[in-house]
Amino acid sequence: MISLLTLCPPFVFLLWYSMVHADGSIIQTFDYLRQHGLQGFVDIWPRPTVIAWKIIACYAAFEAALQLLLPGKRVEGPNLLLGTDLFTRQMVWQRTQ
């Protein structure tokens, strides 16, 4: 899971960069990266704008408010290795069994 989260965004970014800025040539992109090294990768990595940071902050605040204002129902589940058996359902609308 961690490898998916850490390796997928750079791979997708390099694929996008190859298609948009290197005329679809992956070889041209890797030649650029071989010549410029890690600094070349840092130079071509897109920087978030102020608007993007505001969108991320608003989304984080909205998610935090949902967690605080609409907590899920606590249910008991199987015993875990840590000794706890309480879980929180994170759905507002749920079917009752």
C-alpha atoms as a PDB file:
ATOM      1  CA  MET A   1       0.000   0.000   0.000  1.00  0.00           C
ATOM      2  CA  ILE A   2       2.784   2.432   0.890  1.00  0.00           C
ATOM      3  CA  SER A   3       4.606   1.652  -2.342  1.00  0.00           C
ATOM      4  CA  LEU A   4       1.437   2.377  -4.309  1.00  0.00           C
ATOM      5  CA  LEU A   5       1.003   5.730  -2.575  1.00  0.00           C
ATOM      6  CA  THR A   6       4.642   6.741  -2.999  1.00  0.00           C
ATOM      7  CA  LEU A   7       5.425   5.433  -6.482  1.00  0.00           C
ATOM      8  CA  CYS A   8       2.200   6.022  -8.394  1.00  0.00           C
ATOM      9  CA  PRO A   9       2.124   9.872  -8.325  1.00  0.00           C
ATOM     10  CA  PRO A  10       5.703  10.291  -9.636  1.00  0.00           C
ATOM     11  CA  PHE A  11       5.066   7.666 -12.328  1.00  0.00           C
ATOM     12  CA  VAL A  12       1.861   9.375 -13.468  1.00  0.00           C
ATOM     13  CA  PHE A  13       3.588  12.751 -13.406  1.00  0.00           C
ATOM     14  CA  LEU A  14       6.489  11.448 -15.535  1.00  0.00           C
ATOM     15  CA  LEU A  15       4.025   9.897 -17.964  1.00  0.00           C
ATOM     16  CA  TRP A  16       2.140  13.213 -18.209  1.00  0.00           C
ATOM     17  CA  TYR A  17       5.386  15.148 -18.621  1.00  0.00           C
ATOM     18  CA  SER A  18       6.470  12.785 -21.380  1.00  0.00           C
ATOM     19  CA  MET A  19       3.218  13.233 -23.282  1.00  0.00           C
ATOM     20  CA  VAL A  20       2.912  17.009 -22.882  1.00  0.00           C
ATOM     21  CA  HIS A  21       6.482  18.358 -22.841  1.00  0.00           C
ATOM     22  CA  ALA A  22       8.548  15.629 -24.515  1.00  0.00           C
ATOM     23  CA  ASP A  23       6.245  15.000 -27.501  1.00  0.00           C
ATOM     24  CA  GLY A  24       5.269  11.592 -26.130  1.00  0.00           C
ATOM     25  CA  SER A  25       8.853  10.355 -25.973  1.00  0.00           C
ATOM     26  CA  ILE A  26       9.642   8.517 -22.763  1.00  0.00           C
ATOM     27  CA  ILE A  27      13.231   8.151 -23.938  1.00  0.00           C
ATOM     28  CA  GLN A  28      13.556  11.942 -24.245  1.00  0.00           C
ATOM     29  CA  THR A  29      12.233  12.329 -20.688  1.00  0.00           C
ATOM     30  CA  PHE A  30      14.680   9.772 -19.294  1.00  0.00           C
ATOM     31  CA  ASP A  31      17.555  11.366 -21.221  1.00  0.00           C
ATOM     32  CA  TYR A  32      16.661  14.693 -19.600  1.00  0.00           C
ATOM     33  CA  LEU A  33      16.541  13.073 -16.170  1.00  0.00           C
ATOM     34  CA  ARG A  34      19.829  11.248 -16.767  1.00  0.00           C
ATOM     35  CA  GLN A  35      21.557  14.496 -17.749  1.00  0.00           C
ATOM     36  CA  HIS A  36      20.125  16.608 -14.923  1.00  0.00           C
ATOM     37  CA  GLY A  37      19.689  13.962 -12.230  1.00  0.00           C
ATOM     38  CA  LEU A  38      17.462  14.461  -9.228  1.00  0.00           C
ATOM     39  CA  GLN A  39      17.590  18.249  -9.601  1.00  0.00           C
ATOM     40  CA  GLY A  40      16.046  17.885 -13.065  1.00  0.00           C
ATOM     41  CA  PHE A  41      13.188  15.894 -11.552  1.00  0.00           C
ATOM     42  CA  VAL A  42      12.695  18.557  -8.874  1.00  0.00           C
ATOM     43  CA  ASP A  43      12.768  21.303 -11.510  1.00  0.00           C
ATOM     44  CA  ILE A  44      10.042  19.742 -13.661  1.00  0.00           C
ATOM     45  CA  TRP A  45       7.809  18.728 -10.710  1.00  0.00           C
ATOM     46  CA  PRO A  46       4.739  21.022 -10.651  1.00  0.00           C
ATOM     47  CA  ARG A  47       4.420  23.351  -7.669  1.00  0.00           C
ATOM     48  CA  PRO A  48       0.957  23.819  -6.156  1.00  0.00           C
ATOM     49  CA  THR A  49      -0.513  27.277  -6.542  1.00  0.00           C
ATOM     50  CA  VAL A  50      -2.060  29.340  -3.773  1.00  0.00           C
ATOM     51  CA  ILE A  51      -5.516  28.392  -5.048  1.00  0.00           C
ATOM     52  CA  ALA A  52      -4.605  24.689  -4.865  1.00  0.00           C
ATOM     53  CA  TRP A  53      -3.441  25.079  -1.251  1.00  0.00           C
ATOM     54  CA  LYS A  54      -6.716  26.862  -0.401  1.00  0.00           C
ATOM     55  CA  ILE A  55      -8.729  24.031  -1.959  1.00  0.00           C
ATOM     56  CA  ILE A  56      -6.741  21.427   0.013  1.00  0.00           C
ATOM     57  CA  ALA A  57      -7.166  23.406   3.258  1.00  0.00           C
ATOM     58  CA  CYS A  58     -10.923  23.794   2.719  1.00  0.00           C
ATOM     59  CA  TYR A  59     -11.278  20.083   1.986  1.00  0.00           C
ATOM     60  CA  ALA A  60      -9.275  19.170   5.115  1.00  0.00           C
ATOM     61  CA  ALA A  61     -11.407  21.512   7.250  1.00  0.00           C
ATOM     62  CA  PHE A  62     -14.602  20.046   5.770  1.00  0.00           C
ATOM     63  CA  GLU A  63     -13.452  16.484   6.480  1.00  0.00           C
ATOM     64  CA  ALA A  64     -12.433  17.414  10.034  1.00  0.00           C
ATOM     65  CA  ALA A  65     -15.845  19.018  10.607  1.00  0.00           C
ATOM     66  CA  LEU A  66     -17.571  15.870   9.348  1.00  0.00           C
ATOM     67  CA  GLN A  67     -15.527  13.719  11.727  1.00  0.00           C
ATOM     68  CA  LEU A  68     -16.406  15.951  14.689  1.00  0.00           C
ATOM     69  CA  LEU A  69     -20.025  16.808  13.901  1.00  0.00           C
ATOM     70  CA  LEU A  70     -21.229  13.510  12.399  1.00  0.00           C
ATOM     71  CA  PRO A  71     -19.463  10.733  14.265  1.00  0.00           C
ATOM     72  CA  GLY A  72     -20.363   7.205  13.345  1.00  0.00           C
ATOM     73  CA  LYS A  73     -22.132   4.730  15.600  1.00  0.00           C
ATOM     74  CA  ARG A  74     -19.775   2.733  17.812  1.00  0.00           C
ATOM     75  CA  VAL A  75     -20.027  -1.001  17.241  1.00  0.00           C
ATOM     76  CA  GLU A  76     -18.255  -3.973  18.745  1.00  0.00           C
ATOM     77  CA  GLY A  77     -16.222  -6.241  16.551  1.00  0.00           C
ATOM     78  CA  PRO A  78     -13.712  -9.047  16.953  1.00  0.00           C
ATOM     79  CA  ASN A  79     -10.880  -8.627  19.451  1.00  0.00           C
ATOM     80  CA  LEU A  80      -7.783  -7.162  17.881  1.00  0.00           C
ATOM     81  CA  LEU A  81      -4.127  -7.625  18.774  1.00  0.00           C
ATOM     82  CA  LEU A  82      -4.167  -4.298  20.624  1.00  0.00           C
ATOM     83  CA  GLY A  83      -7.011  -5.517  22.826  1.00  0.00           C
ATOM     84  CA  THR A  84      -9.728  -3.189  21.572  1.00  0.00           C
ATOM     85  CA  ASP A  85     -12.939  -4.365  19.997  1.00  0.00           C
ATOM     86  CA  LEU A  86     -14.666  -1.015  19.396  1.00  0.00           C
ATOM     87  CA  PHE A  87     -14.980   0.413  15.924  1.00  0.00           C
ATOM     88  CA  THR A  88     -16.674   3.497  14.535  1.00  0.00           C
ATOM     89  CA  ARG A  89     -18.806   3.302  11.442  1.00  0.00           C
ATOM     90  CA  GLN A  90     -18.046   6.333   9.296  1.00  0.00           C
ATOM     91  CA  MET A  91     -21.226   6.327   7.236  1.00  0.00           C
ATOM     92  CA  VAL A  92     -24.055   8.760   7.883  1.00  0.00           C
ATOM     93  CA  TRP A  93     -26.684   6.636   6.138  1.00  0.00           C
ATOM     94  CA  GLN A  94     -26.491   2.947   6.889  1.00  0.00           C
ATOM     95  CA  ARG A  95     -28.831   0.030   6.807  1.00  0.00           C
ATOM     96  CA  THR A  96     -29.805  -1.562  10.057  1.00  0.00           C
ATOM     97  CA  GLN A  97     -29.417  -5.297  10.165  1.00  0.00           C
END
